[in-house]
Amino acid sequence: MVAPQAVAAGDGNKVHNCFGRWYNTDWDQKCGSSGAGFAGTYESTANCTLEPDNTMTQWRAKGSTATYDGHDCDWSVSGVSTLYY
């Protein structure tokens, strides 16, 4: 069986101005131009197709605009959800 590679891109839910953005098999954790709304831990999970999901946890200072590269999915990403704690 050969799985097709989907071509998709989008943004996940926003939590205090931070979110996951995906592009086909690649994904990142980002924050909008004004940065993270609160200091704390932001956890993003990419929903991978035909394999386990990939999760990344980053501590961010208030105002952080850093982009963190998540571990790529082999086939495709269908979305990214982000939590704050």
N, C-alpha and C. Protein backbone atom coordinates (compact mmCIF):
# COMPACT_ATOMS: atom_id res chain seq x y z
N MET A 1 0.84 -1.17 0.00
CA MET A 1 0.00 0.00 0.00
C MET A 1 0.89 1.24 0.00
N VAL A 2 0.61 2.17 -0.86
CA VAL A 2 1.34 3.43 -0.91
C VAL A 2 0.38 4.53 -0.51
N ALA A 3 0.78 5.30 0.50
CA ALA A 3 -0.07 6.39 0.96
C ALA A 3 0.25 7.65 0.17
N PRO A 4 -0.76 8.36 -0.26
CA PRO A 4 -0.52 9.60 -0.98
C PRO A 4 -0.03 10.69 -0.04
N GLN A 5 0.82 11.57 -0.54
CA GLN A 5 1.22 12.72 0.24
C GLN A 5 0.31 13.88 -0.10
N ALA A 6 -0.39 14.34 0.91
CA ALA A 6 -1.32 15.45 0.72
C ALA A 6 -0.57 16.77 0.68
N VAL A 7 -1.11 17.70 -0.03
CA VAL A 7 -0.55 19.05 -0.06
C VAL A 7 -1.55 19.95 0.65
N ALA A 8 -1.15 20.43 1.82
CA ALA A 8 -2.06 21.26 2.61
C ALA A 8 -1.24 22.22 3.45
N ALA A 9 -1.88 23.25 3.90
CA ALA A 9 -1.24 24.21 4.79
C ALA A 9 -2.32 24.91 5.58
N GLY A 10 -1.98 25.37 6.75
CA GLY A 10 -2.95 26.10 7.55
C GLY A 10 -2.41 26.43 8.92
N ASP A 11 -3.24 27.12 9.69
CA ASP A 11 -2.92 27.48 11.06
C ASP A 11 -3.87 26.76 12.00
N GLY A 12 -3.34 26.32 13.14
CA GLY A 12 -4.16 25.71 14.17
C GLY A 12 -4.76 26.76 15.08
N ASN A 13 -5.34 26.32 16.17
CA ASN A 13 -5.96 27.22 17.13
C ASN A 13 -4.93 28.17 17.74
N LYS A 14 -5.36 29.37 18.09
CA LYS A 14 -4.48 30.34 18.75
C LYS A 14 -4.70 30.29 20.26
N VAL A 15 -3.58 30.28 21.00
CA VAL A 15 -3.62 30.32 22.45
C VAL A 15 -2.68 31.44 22.88
N HIS A 16 -3.24 32.52 23.42
CA HIS A 16 -2.45 33.68 23.83
C HIS A 16 -1.55 34.16 22.69
N ASN A 17 -2.09 34.17 21.48
CA ASN A 17 -1.43 34.65 20.26
C ASN A 17 -0.40 33.68 19.68
N CYS A 18 -0.31 32.46 20.20
CA CYS A 18 0.61 31.45 19.66
C CYS A 18 -0.19 30.30 19.05
N PHE A 19 0.39 29.65 18.07
CA PHE A 19 -0.33 28.64 17.30
C PHE A 19 0.65 27.75 16.54
N GLY A 20 0.12 26.68 15.98
CA GLY A 20 0.90 25.82 15.09
C GLY A 20 0.54 26.12 13.65
N ARG A 21 1.53 26.12 12.79
CA ARG A 21 1.31 26.31 11.34
C ARG A 21 1.92 25.11 10.63
N TRP A 22 1.16 24.53 9.71
CA TRP A 22 1.67 23.36 8.99
C TRP A 22 1.69 23.59 7.50
N TYR A 23 2.61 22.88 6.85
CA TYR A 23 2.81 22.94 5.40
C TYR A 23 3.13 21.52 4.94
N ASN A 24 2.16 20.81 4.44
CA ASN A 24 2.34 19.45 3.95
C ASN A 24 2.89 18.53 5.06
N THR A 25 4.19 18.24 5.10
CA THR A 25 4.74 17.36 6.13
C THR A 25 5.46 18.12 7.24
N ASP A 26 5.71 19.40 7.04
CA ASP A 26 6.46 20.23 7.98
C ASP A 26 5.49 21.04 8.84
N TRP A 27 5.91 21.39 10.05
CA TRP A 27 5.09 22.25 10.90
C TRP A 27 5.97 23.00 11.88
N ASP A 28 5.46 24.13 12.35
CA ASP A 28 6.18 25.00 13.27
C ASP A 28 5.24 25.47 14.38
N GLN A 29 5.85 25.87 15.50
CA GLN A 29 5.11 26.58 16.53
C GLN A 29 5.52 28.04 16.42
N LYS A 30 4.54 28.94 16.30
CA LYS A 30 4.79 30.36 16.07
C LYS A 30 3.91 31.20 16.99
N CYS A 31 4.20 32.49 17.04
CA CYS A 31 3.32 33.45 17.71
C CYS A 31 3.14 34.62 16.76
N GLY A 32 2.01 35.32 16.88
CA GLY A 32 1.74 36.47 16.04
C GLY A 32 2.73 37.60 16.28
N SER A 33 2.59 38.67 15.53
CA SER A 33 3.56 39.77 15.53
C SER A 33 3.76 40.43 16.89
N SER A 34 2.75 40.41 17.76
CA SER A 34 2.92 41.01 19.08
C SER A 34 3.49 40.01 20.10
N GLY A 35 3.73 38.79 19.68
CA GLY A 35 4.36 37.77 20.52
C GLY A 35 3.39 37.08 21.46
N ALA A 36 3.96 36.19 22.29
CA ALA A 36 3.17 35.41 23.24
C ALA A 36 2.49 36.35 24.23
N GLY A 37 1.22 36.11 24.49
CA GLY A 37 0.46 36.96 25.40
C GLY A 37 0.85 36.79 26.86
N PHE A 38 1.33 35.60 27.21
CA PHE A 38 1.74 35.30 28.57
C PHE A 38 2.99 34.46 28.55
N ALA A 39 3.83 34.59 29.58
CA ALA A 39 4.97 33.69 29.75
C ALA A 39 4.43 32.34 30.20
N GLY A 40 5.02 31.27 29.71
CA GLY A 40 4.59 29.94 30.12
C GLY A 40 4.94 28.90 29.09
N THR A 41 4.41 27.72 29.27
CA THR A 41 4.70 26.59 28.40
C THR A 41 3.59 26.44 27.36
N TYR A 42 4.01 26.37 26.11
CA TYR A 42 3.10 26.18 24.98
C TYR A 42 3.42 24.81 24.37
N GLU A 43 2.41 23.97 24.29
CA GLU A 43 2.58 22.62 23.74
C GLU A 43 1.77 22.49 22.47
N SER A 44 2.44 22.17 21.37
CA SER A 44 1.77 21.99 20.08
C SER A 44 1.89 20.55 19.64
N THR A 45 0.81 20.01 19.11
CA THR A 45 0.79 18.63 18.62
C THR A 45 0.32 18.63 17.17
N ALA A 46 1.16 18.07 16.30
CA ALA A 46 0.82 17.92 14.89
C ALA A 46 0.08 16.60 14.69
N ASN A 47 -1.04 16.65 14.00
CA ASN A 47 -1.81 15.44 13.68
C ASN A 47 -1.23 14.85 12.41
N CYS A 48 -0.43 13.80 12.57
CA CYS A 48 0.23 13.15 11.43
C CYS A 48 -0.66 12.07 10.84
N THR A 49 -0.58 11.89 9.53
CA THR A 49 -1.32 10.86 8.82
C THR A 49 -0.51 9.57 8.78
N LEU A 50 -1.12 8.45 9.12
CA LEU A 50 -0.52 7.11 9.05
C LEU A 50 0.69 6.92 9.95
N GLU A 51 0.78 7.69 11.03
CA GLU A 51 1.87 7.53 12.01
C GLU A 51 1.46 8.26 13.29
N PRO A 52 2.17 8.02 14.39
CA PRO A 52 1.83 8.73 15.63
C PRO A 52 2.02 10.25 15.48
N ASP A 53 1.23 11.00 16.24
CA ASP A 53 1.34 12.46 16.22
C ASP A 53 2.68 12.91 16.82
N ASN A 54 3.12 14.11 16.44
CA ASN A 54 4.36 14.68 16.95
C ASN A 54 4.04 15.87 17.85
N THR A 55 4.66 15.90 19.03
CA THR A 55 4.41 16.96 20.00
C THR A 55 5.70 17.71 20.32
N MET A 56 5.56 19.03 20.50
CA MET A 56 6.68 19.88 20.88
C MET A 56 6.23 20.77 22.03
N THR A 57 7.08 20.91 23.04
CA THR A 57 6.79 21.77 24.18
C THR A 57 7.87 22.83 24.27
N GLN A 58 7.45 24.10 24.32
CA GLN A 58 8.39 25.22 24.41
C GLN A 58 7.95 26.17 25.52
N TRP A 59 8.91 26.58 26.36
CA TRP A 59 8.63 27.65 27.30
C TRP A 59 8.89 28.96 26.58
N ARG A 60 7.98 29.91 26.71
CA ARG A 60 8.11 31.21 26.05
C ARG A 60 7.99 32.33 27.07
N ALA A 61 8.80 33.36 26.88
CA ALA A 61 8.65 34.60 27.64
C ALA A 61 7.51 35.39 27.04
N LYS A 62 6.90 36.26 27.82
CA LYS A 62 5.86 37.14 27.28
C LYS A 62 6.48 37.97 26.16
N GLY A 63 5.79 38.06 25.02
CA GLY A 63 6.28 38.81 23.87
C GLY A 63 7.16 38.01 22.92
N SER A 64 7.42 36.74 23.22
CA SER A 64 8.26 35.90 22.35
C SER A 64 7.65 35.76 20.96
N THR A 65 8.45 35.99 19.94
CA THR A 65 8.01 35.80 18.55
C THR A 65 8.83 34.71 17.85
N ALA A 66 9.57 33.92 18.62
CA ALA A 66 10.41 32.87 18.05
C ALA A 66 9.56 31.84 17.30
N THR A 67 10.13 31.28 16.25
CA THR A 67 9.51 30.17 15.52
C THR A 67 10.31 28.92 15.83
N TYR A 68 9.62 27.87 16.27
CA TYR A 68 10.26 26.59 16.58
C TYR A 68 9.78 25.56 15.58
N ASP A 69 10.71 24.83 15.00
CA ASP A 69 10.42 23.82 13.98
C ASP A 69 10.05 22.50 14.65
N GLY A 70 8.86 22.00 14.35
CA GLY A 70 8.43 20.71 14.88
C GLY A 70 9.02 19.56 14.07
N HIS A 71 9.05 18.37 14.67
CA HIS A 71 9.53 17.18 13.98
C HIS A 71 8.55 16.84 12.84
N ASP A 72 9.07 16.75 11.62
CA ASP A 72 8.24 16.52 10.44
C ASP A 72 7.49 15.18 10.52
N CYS A 73 6.33 15.16 9.90
CA CYS A 73 5.58 13.92 9.71
C CYS A 73 6.05 13.29 8.40
N ASP A 74 6.03 11.98 8.30
CA ASP A 74 6.49 11.29 7.08
C ASP A 74 5.54 11.48 5.91
N TRP A 75 4.22 11.49 6.18
CA TRP A 75 3.26 11.54 5.09
C TRP A 75 2.62 12.91 4.94
N SER A 76 1.92 13.34 5.95
CA SER A 76 1.29 14.67 5.89
C SER A 76 0.82 15.08 7.27
N VAL A 77 0.62 16.38 7.44
CA VAL A 77 0.06 16.95 8.66
C VAL A 77 -1.35 17.42 8.32
N SER A 78 -2.32 17.06 9.15
CA SER A 78 -3.70 17.48 8.89
C SER A 78 -4.15 18.60 9.82
N GLY A 79 -3.29 19.01 10.73
CA GLY A 79 -3.61 20.10 11.64
C GLY A 79 -2.65 20.12 12.81
N VAL A 80 -2.64 21.24 13.54
CA VAL A 80 -1.81 21.38 14.73
C VAL A 80 -2.65 22.02 15.83
N SER A 81 -2.68 21.40 17.00
CA SER A 81 -3.40 22.00 18.13
C SER A 81 -2.40 22.43 19.20
N THR A 82 -2.69 23.55 19.85
CA THR A 82 -1.78 24.13 20.83
C THR A 82 -2.49 24.31 22.17
N LEU A 83 -1.77 23.97 23.25
CA LEU A 83 -2.24 24.14 24.62
C LEU A 83 -1.27 25.05 25.37
N TYR A 84 -1.73 25.66 26.45
CA TYR A 84 -0.89 26.51 27.29
C TYR A 84 -1.01 26.03 28.72
N TYR A 85 0.12 25.98 29.41
CA TYR A 85 0.07 25.68 30.86
C TYR A 85 1.28 26.27 31.55
